[in-house]
Amino acid sequence: MIEQSETVSRYWTACEGRDWAGVGALLAEDVVYDLPQTRERIVGRERFLRFNIEYPGDWHVTVERVVSEGRHGASWIRVAHEGSELSALSFFEFDAHGLVSRITEFWPTPYEPPGGREHLVERY
């Protein structure tokens, strides 16, 4: 059985390469994709692939970190899209066959921290 972190890495490599057949081969037929911040859910491999194929603009993925344990995996990615860079945290669940059965993805928005802690932190 392939290590789940390898599956997550292959997923992002296929996404970056717009290899939708390769992405589809990693997904369960009834995969569920959740975006909690926008309260959107996509159910099914074909709908998920279409969502990504039709996503507007030119975007590129850089993987910062992938971890996995058992039937769970997670990644931190950076996406360059239309002149800005966004970070995303993606949590993967795998079925008994090692296919991705659920992806829950968070796209946090950067914000300015509250004052009063400048003596403790470094900004980057």
N, C-alpha and C. Protein backbone atom coordinates (compact mmCIF):
# COMPACT_ATOMS: atom_id res chain seq x y z
N MET A 1 0.85 -1.19 0.00
CA MET A 1 0.00 0.00 0.00
C MET A 1 0.89 1.25 0.00
N ILE A 2 0.52 2.21 -0.79
CA ILE A 2 1.28 3.45 -0.89
C ILE A 2 1.09 4.26 0.38
N GLU A 3 2.17 4.83 0.89
CA GLU A 3 2.09 5.72 2.04
C GLU A 3 1.19 6.90 1.70
N GLN A 4 0.30 7.27 2.63
CA GLN A 4 -0.68 8.33 2.35
C GLN A 4 -0.01 9.67 2.05
N SER A 5 1.13 9.95 2.65
CA SER A 5 1.80 11.22 2.34
C SER A 5 2.25 11.24 0.87
N GLU A 6 2.60 10.10 0.33
CA GLU A 6 2.96 10.02 -1.08
C GLU A 6 1.74 10.29 -1.96
N THR A 7 0.58 9.78 -1.56
CA THR A 7 -0.65 10.03 -2.31
C THR A 7 -0.98 11.51 -2.31
N VAL A 8 -0.84 12.18 -1.16
CA VAL A 8 -1.12 13.61 -1.08
C VAL A 8 -0.14 14.38 -1.98
N SER A 9 1.12 14.01 -1.94
CA SER A 9 2.11 14.67 -2.81
C SER A 9 1.80 14.45 -4.28
N ARG A 10 1.40 13.24 -4.64
CA ARG A 10 1.03 12.95 -6.02
C ARG A 10 -0.20 13.75 -6.44
N TYR A 11 -1.13 13.92 -5.51
CA TYR A 11 -2.34 14.72 -5.77
C TYR A 11 -1.96 16.14 -6.16
N TRP A 12 -1.08 16.78 -5.36
CA TRP A 12 -0.70 18.17 -5.65
C TRP A 12 0.13 18.27 -6.91
N THR A 13 0.99 17.30 -7.17
CA THR A 13 1.77 17.30 -8.41
C THR A 13 0.84 17.21 -9.62
N ALA A 14 -0.17 16.36 -9.53
CA ALA A 14 -1.13 16.22 -10.62
C ALA A 14 -1.96 17.50 -10.78
N CYS A 15 -2.36 18.12 -9.66
CA CYS A 15 -3.11 19.38 -9.75
C CYS A 15 -2.27 20.46 -10.44
N GLU A 16 -1.04 20.61 -10.01
CA GLU A 16 -0.17 21.62 -10.61
C GLU A 16 0.02 21.37 -12.10
N GLY A 17 0.12 20.11 -12.49
CA GLY A 17 0.31 19.75 -13.90
C GLY A 17 -0.97 19.69 -14.70
N ARG A 18 -2.10 20.01 -14.06
CA ARG A 18 -3.41 19.94 -14.70
C ARG A 18 -3.65 18.55 -15.28
N ASP A 19 -3.13 17.55 -14.57
CA ASP A 19 -3.30 16.14 -14.95
C ASP A 19 -4.57 15.63 -14.27
N TRP A 20 -5.72 15.96 -14.84
CA TRP A 20 -6.99 15.66 -14.19
C TRP A 20 -7.27 14.17 -14.14
N ALA A 21 -6.80 13.41 -15.12
CA ALA A 21 -6.94 11.96 -15.06
C ALA A 21 -6.12 11.41 -13.89
N GLY A 22 -4.92 11.99 -13.69
CA GLY A 22 -4.08 11.57 -12.56
C GLY A 22 -4.72 11.90 -11.23
N VAL A 23 -5.33 13.09 -11.12
CA VAL A 23 -6.04 13.45 -9.89
C VAL A 23 -7.19 12.48 -9.68
N GLY A 24 -7.97 12.25 -10.73
CA GLY A 24 -9.13 11.37 -10.62
C GLY A 24 -8.77 9.97 -10.18
N ALA A 25 -7.61 9.47 -10.59
CA ALA A 25 -7.17 8.13 -10.21
C ALA A 25 -6.90 8.00 -8.71
N LEU A 26 -6.70 9.13 -8.04
CA LEU A 26 -6.41 9.12 -6.60
C LEU A 26 -7.67 9.26 -5.75
N LEU A 27 -8.81 9.56 -6.39
CA LEU A 27 -10.04 9.87 -5.68
C LEU A 27 -11.03 8.72 -5.69
N ALA A 28 -11.71 8.53 -4.57
CA ALA A 28 -12.83 7.60 -4.53
C ALA A 28 -13.96 8.17 -5.39
N GLU A 29 -14.77 7.31 -5.94
CA GLU A 29 -15.90 7.75 -6.79
C GLU A 29 -16.80 8.73 -6.05
N ASP A 30 -17.02 8.50 -4.76
CA ASP A 30 -17.93 9.33 -3.96
C ASP A 30 -17.19 10.31 -3.06
N VAL A 31 -16.01 10.76 -3.50
CA VAL A 31 -15.22 11.71 -2.71
C VAL A 31 -16.08 12.91 -2.31
N VAL A 32 -15.81 13.42 -1.11
CA VAL A 32 -16.50 14.61 -0.62
C VAL A 32 -15.45 15.70 -0.41
N TYR A 33 -15.72 16.88 -0.96
CA TYR A 33 -14.82 18.03 -0.84
C TYR A 33 -15.57 19.12 -0.10
N ASP A 34 -15.08 19.48 1.08
CA ASP A 34 -15.71 20.50 1.92
C ASP A 34 -14.85 21.75 2.01
N LEU A 35 -15.49 22.90 1.87
CA LEU A 35 -14.87 24.21 2.07
C LEU A 35 -15.64 24.89 3.21
N PRO A 36 -15.24 24.68 4.47
CA PRO A 36 -16.00 25.20 5.61
C PRO A 36 -16.20 26.72 5.60
N GLN A 37 -15.22 27.48 5.12
CA GLN A 37 -15.34 28.94 5.18
C GLN A 37 -16.45 29.47 4.28
N THR A 38 -16.68 28.82 3.14
CA THR A 38 -17.74 29.26 2.23
C THR A 38 -18.98 28.37 2.34
N ARG A 39 -18.90 27.35 3.19
CA ARG A 39 -19.98 26.39 3.40
C ARG A 39 -20.39 25.73 2.08
N GLU A 40 -19.38 25.37 1.26
CA GLU A 40 -19.63 24.66 0.00
C GLU A 40 -19.19 23.22 0.15
N ARG A 41 -19.91 22.34 -0.52
CA ARG A 41 -19.56 20.92 -0.54
C ARG A 41 -19.76 20.41 -1.96
N ILE A 42 -18.81 19.61 -2.41
CA ILE A 42 -18.91 18.93 -3.70
C ILE A 42 -18.85 17.44 -3.41
N VAL A 43 -19.79 16.70 -3.96
CA VAL A 43 -19.83 15.25 -3.76
C VAL A 43 -19.65 14.56 -5.11
N GLY A 44 -18.67 13.68 -5.17
CA GLY A 44 -18.43 12.89 -6.36
C GLY A 44 -17.20 13.32 -7.13
N ARG A 45 -16.51 12.32 -7.66
CA ARG A 45 -15.26 12.54 -8.40
C ARG A 45 -15.45 13.45 -9.60
N GLU A 46 -16.47 13.19 -10.42
CA GLU A 46 -16.66 13.97 -11.64
C GLU A 46 -16.94 15.44 -11.35
N ARG A 47 -17.77 15.71 -10.36
CA ARG A 47 -18.08 17.10 -10.00
C ARG A 47 -16.84 17.80 -9.44
N PHE A 48 -16.07 17.08 -8.62
CA PHE A 48 -14.85 17.65 -8.06
C PHE A 48 -13.86 18.00 -9.16
N LEU A 49 -13.67 17.09 -10.10
CA LEU A 49 -12.74 17.35 -11.21
C LEU A 49 -13.23 18.53 -12.05
N ARG A 50 -14.51 18.57 -12.34
CA ARG A 50 -15.05 19.67 -13.13
C ARG A 50 -14.86 21.01 -12.42
N PHE A 51 -15.06 21.03 -11.10
CA PHE A 51 -14.86 22.24 -10.30
C PHE A 51 -13.43 22.76 -10.50
N ASN A 52 -12.46 21.87 -10.46
CA ASN A 52 -11.06 22.28 -10.62
C ASN A 52 -10.72 22.64 -12.06
N ILE A 53 -11.24 21.89 -13.01
CA ILE A 53 -10.98 22.18 -14.42
C ILE A 53 -11.52 23.56 -14.78
N GLU A 54 -12.69 23.91 -14.25
CA GLU A 54 -13.34 25.17 -14.59
C GLU A 54 -12.91 26.33 -13.71
N TYR A 55 -12.02 26.08 -12.72
CA TYR A 55 -11.64 27.16 -11.81
C TYR A 55 -10.97 28.28 -12.62
N PRO A 56 -11.40 29.51 -12.43
CA PRO A 56 -10.89 30.61 -13.27
C PRO A 56 -9.46 31.02 -12.94
N GLY A 57 -8.81 31.57 -13.92
CA GLY A 57 -7.48 32.14 -13.74
C GLY A 57 -6.38 31.11 -13.81
N ASP A 58 -5.18 31.62 -13.82
CA ASP A 58 -3.98 30.79 -13.87
C ASP A 58 -3.43 30.69 -12.46
N TRP A 59 -3.39 29.50 -11.90
CA TRP A 59 -2.91 29.32 -10.54
C TRP A 59 -1.83 28.25 -10.52
N HIS A 60 -0.95 28.36 -9.52
CA HIS A 60 0.15 27.40 -9.37
C HIS A 60 0.32 27.05 -7.90
N VAL A 61 0.58 25.79 -7.65
CA VAL A 61 0.67 25.25 -6.30
C VAL A 61 2.12 24.97 -5.93
N THR A 62 2.50 25.40 -4.72
CA THR A 62 3.77 25.01 -4.11
C THR A 62 3.45 24.31 -2.81
N VAL A 63 3.93 23.11 -2.65
CA VAL A 63 3.68 22.35 -1.43
C VAL A 63 4.74 22.70 -0.39
N GLU A 64 4.27 23.14 0.76
CA GLU A 64 5.17 23.46 1.87
C GLU A 64 5.42 22.26 2.77
N ARG A 65 4.34 21.50 3.05
CA ARG A 65 4.48 20.38 3.98
C ARG A 65 3.35 19.37 3.76
N VAL A 66 3.70 18.10 3.89
CA VAL A 66 2.72 17.01 3.84
C VAL A 66 3.02 16.07 4.99
N VAL A 67 1.98 15.70 5.71
CA VAL A 67 2.11 14.72 6.80
C VAL A 67 0.96 13.73 6.67
N SER A 68 1.17 12.53 7.21
CA SER A 68 0.09 11.55 7.21
C SER A 68 0.29 10.56 8.34
N GLU A 69 -0.82 9.97 8.71
CA GLU A 69 -0.80 8.90 9.70
C GLU A 69 -2.05 8.07 9.49
N GLY A 70 -1.87 6.78 9.31
CA GLY A 70 -3.01 5.91 9.10
C GLY A 70 -3.81 6.32 7.88
N ARG A 71 -5.10 6.53 8.07
CA ARG A 71 -5.99 6.87 6.96
C ARG A 71 -6.25 8.37 6.86
N HIS A 72 -5.29 9.16 7.36
CA HIS A 72 -5.43 10.62 7.33
C HIS A 72 -4.14 11.25 6.82
N GLY A 73 -4.30 12.36 6.11
CA GLY A 73 -3.15 13.13 5.64
C GLY A 73 -3.49 14.60 5.68
N ALA A 74 -2.47 15.44 5.66
CA ALA A 74 -2.69 16.88 5.67
C ALA A 74 -1.58 17.54 4.87
N SER A 75 -1.93 18.69 4.28
CA SER A 75 -0.91 19.45 3.55
C SER A 75 -1.11 20.93 3.79
N TRP A 76 0.02 21.63 3.70
CA TRP A 76 0.03 23.09 3.71
C TRP A 76 0.58 23.47 2.35
N ILE A 77 -0.20 24.24 1.60
CA ILE A 77 0.24 24.66 0.27
C ILE A 77 0.17 26.17 0.16
N ARG A 78 0.91 26.68 -0.82
CA ARG A 78 0.80 28.08 -1.22
C ARG A 78 0.36 28.09 -2.67
N VAL A 79 -0.60 28.95 -2.96
CA VAL A 79 -1.13 29.03 -4.32
C VAL A 79 -0.92 30.44 -4.85
N ALA A 80 -0.22 30.55 -5.95
CA ALA A 80 -0.07 31.83 -6.64
C ALA A 80 -1.24 31.93 -7.61
N HIS A 81 -2.01 33.01 -7.46
CA HIS A 81 -3.21 33.18 -8.27
C HIS A 81 -3.46 34.66 -8.52
N GLU A 82 -3.41 35.04 -9.79
CA GLU A 82 -3.72 36.40 -10.22
C GLU A 82 -2.98 37.47 -9.41
N GLY A 83 -1.68 37.28 -9.26
CA GLY A 83 -0.84 38.28 -8.61
C GLY A 83 -0.78 38.23 -7.10
N SER A 84 -1.47 37.30 -6.49
CA SER A 84 -1.37 37.19 -5.03
C SER A 84 -1.02 35.75 -4.66
N GLU A 85 -0.60 35.60 -3.42
CA GLU A 85 -0.27 34.27 -2.92
C GLU A 85 -1.17 33.96 -1.74
N LEU A 86 -1.81 32.80 -1.82
CA LEU A 86 -2.72 32.35 -0.78
C LEU A 86 -2.19 31.06 -0.17
N SER A 87 -2.46 30.86 1.09
CA SER A 87 -2.11 29.60 1.74
C SER A 87 -3.37 28.79 1.96
N ALA A 88 -3.24 27.48 1.93
CA ALA A 88 -4.37 26.60 2.21
C ALA A 88 -3.89 25.42 3.04
N LEU A 89 -4.77 24.97 3.89
CA LEU A 89 -4.56 23.75 4.68
C LEU A 89 -5.59 22.75 4.23
N SER A 90 -5.13 21.58 3.81
CA SER A 90 -6.02 20.55 3.28
C SER A 90 -5.88 19.30 4.12
N PHE A 91 -7.01 18.75 4.53
CA PHE A 91 -7.04 17.53 5.33
C PHE A 91 -7.69 16.44 4.50
N PHE A 92 -6.99 15.32 4.36
CA PHE A 92 -7.40 14.22 3.51
C PHE A 92 -7.78 13.01 4.36
N GLU A 93 -8.83 12.32 3.94
CA GLU A 93 -9.20 11.04 4.53
C GLU A 93 -9.16 10.02 3.41
N PHE A 94 -8.77 8.79 3.74
CA PHE A 94 -8.59 7.74 2.76
C PHE A 94 -9.49 6.56 3.06
N ASP A 95 -9.99 5.91 2.01
CA ASP A 95 -10.82 4.73 2.21
C ASP A 95 -9.93 3.50 2.37
N ALA A 96 -10.55 2.34 2.49
CA ALA A 96 -9.81 1.09 2.71
C ALA A 96 -8.91 0.73 1.53
N HIS A 97 -9.14 1.30 0.35
CA HIS A 97 -8.33 1.03 -0.83
C HIS A 97 -7.22 2.05 -1.03
N GLY A 98 -7.11 3.02 -0.10
CA GLY A 98 -6.08 4.05 -0.21
C GLY A 98 -6.46 5.22 -1.09
N LEU A 99 -7.73 5.28 -1.52
CA LEU A 99 -8.19 6.40 -2.33
C LEU A 99 -8.67 7.53 -1.42
N VAL A 100 -8.55 8.75 -1.91
CA VAL A 100 -9.00 9.91 -1.15
C VAL A 100 -10.53 9.88 -1.12
N SER A 101 -11.09 9.83 0.09
CA SER A 101 -12.54 9.78 0.23
C SER A 101 -13.13 11.11 0.70
N ARG A 102 -12.30 11.97 1.29
CA ARG A 102 -12.77 13.27 1.75
C ARG A 102 -11.59 14.24 1.79
N ILE A 103 -11.86 15.47 1.36
CA ILE A 103 -10.89 16.56 1.48
C ILE A 103 -11.64 17.71 2.15
N THR A 104 -11.07 18.21 3.23
CA THR A 104 -11.59 19.40 3.87
C THR A 104 -10.51 20.45 3.76
N GLU A 105 -10.84 21.58 3.14
CA GLU A 105 -9.83 22.57 2.80
C GLU A 105 -10.16 23.94 3.40
N PHE A 106 -9.15 24.52 4.05
CA PHE A 106 -9.29 25.83 4.66
C PHE A 106 -8.36 26.81 3.95
N TRP A 107 -8.90 27.99 3.61
CA TRP A 107 -8.16 29.06 2.96
C TRP A 107 -8.14 30.25 3.92
N PRO A 108 -7.21 30.24 4.90
CA PRO A 108 -7.20 31.33 5.88
C PRO A 108 -6.80 32.66 5.26
N THR A 109 -7.40 33.70 5.77
CA THR A 109 -7.11 35.05 5.30
C THR A 109 -6.08 35.69 6.23
N PRO A 110 -4.98 36.20 5.69
CA PRO A 110 -4.01 36.88 6.54
C PRO A 110 -4.64 38.13 7.18
N TYR A 111 -4.18 38.47 8.35
CA TYR A 111 -4.68 39.67 9.02
C TYR A 111 -3.57 40.27 9.87
N GLU A 112 -3.74 41.51 10.23
CA GLU A 112 -2.78 42.20 11.07
C GLU A 112 -3.03 41.83 12.54
N PRO A 113 -1.98 41.49 13.26
CA PRO A 113 -2.17 41.09 14.65
C PRO A 113 -2.50 42.30 15.53
N PRO A 114 -3.11 42.03 16.68
CA PRO A 114 -3.38 43.12 17.62
C PRO A 114 -2.06 43.64 18.19
N GLY A 115 -2.08 44.90 18.61
CA GLY A 115 -0.88 45.50 19.20
C GLY A 115 -0.61 44.98 20.60
N GLY A 116 0.57 45.30 21.09
CA GLY A 116 0.92 44.97 22.46
C GLY A 116 1.79 43.75 22.62
N ARG A 117 2.11 43.08 21.55
CA ARG A 117 2.97 41.90 21.67
C ARG A 117 4.22 42.01 20.82
N GLU A 118 4.49 43.22 20.34
CA GLU A 118 5.63 43.43 19.45
C GLU A 118 6.95 43.02 20.10
N HIS A 119 7.04 43.13 21.42
CA HIS A 119 8.27 42.78 22.13
C HIS A 119 8.49 41.27 22.20
N LEU A 120 7.49 40.47 21.78
CA LEU A 120 7.59 39.02 21.87
C LEU A 120 7.70 38.33 20.51
N VAL A 121 7.32 39.05 19.46
CA VAL A 121 7.21 38.38 18.16
C VAL A 121 8.12 39.02 17.12
N GLU A 122 8.34 38.28 16.07
CA GLU A 122 9.04 38.74 14.88
C GLU A 122 8.06 38.68 13.74
N ARG A 123 7.98 39.71 12.93
CA ARG A 123 7.10 39.67 11.75
C ARG A 123 7.92 39.23 10.55
N TYR A 124 7.32 38.46 9.69
CA TYR A 124 7.97 38.02 8.45
C TYR A 124 7.07 38.22 7.29
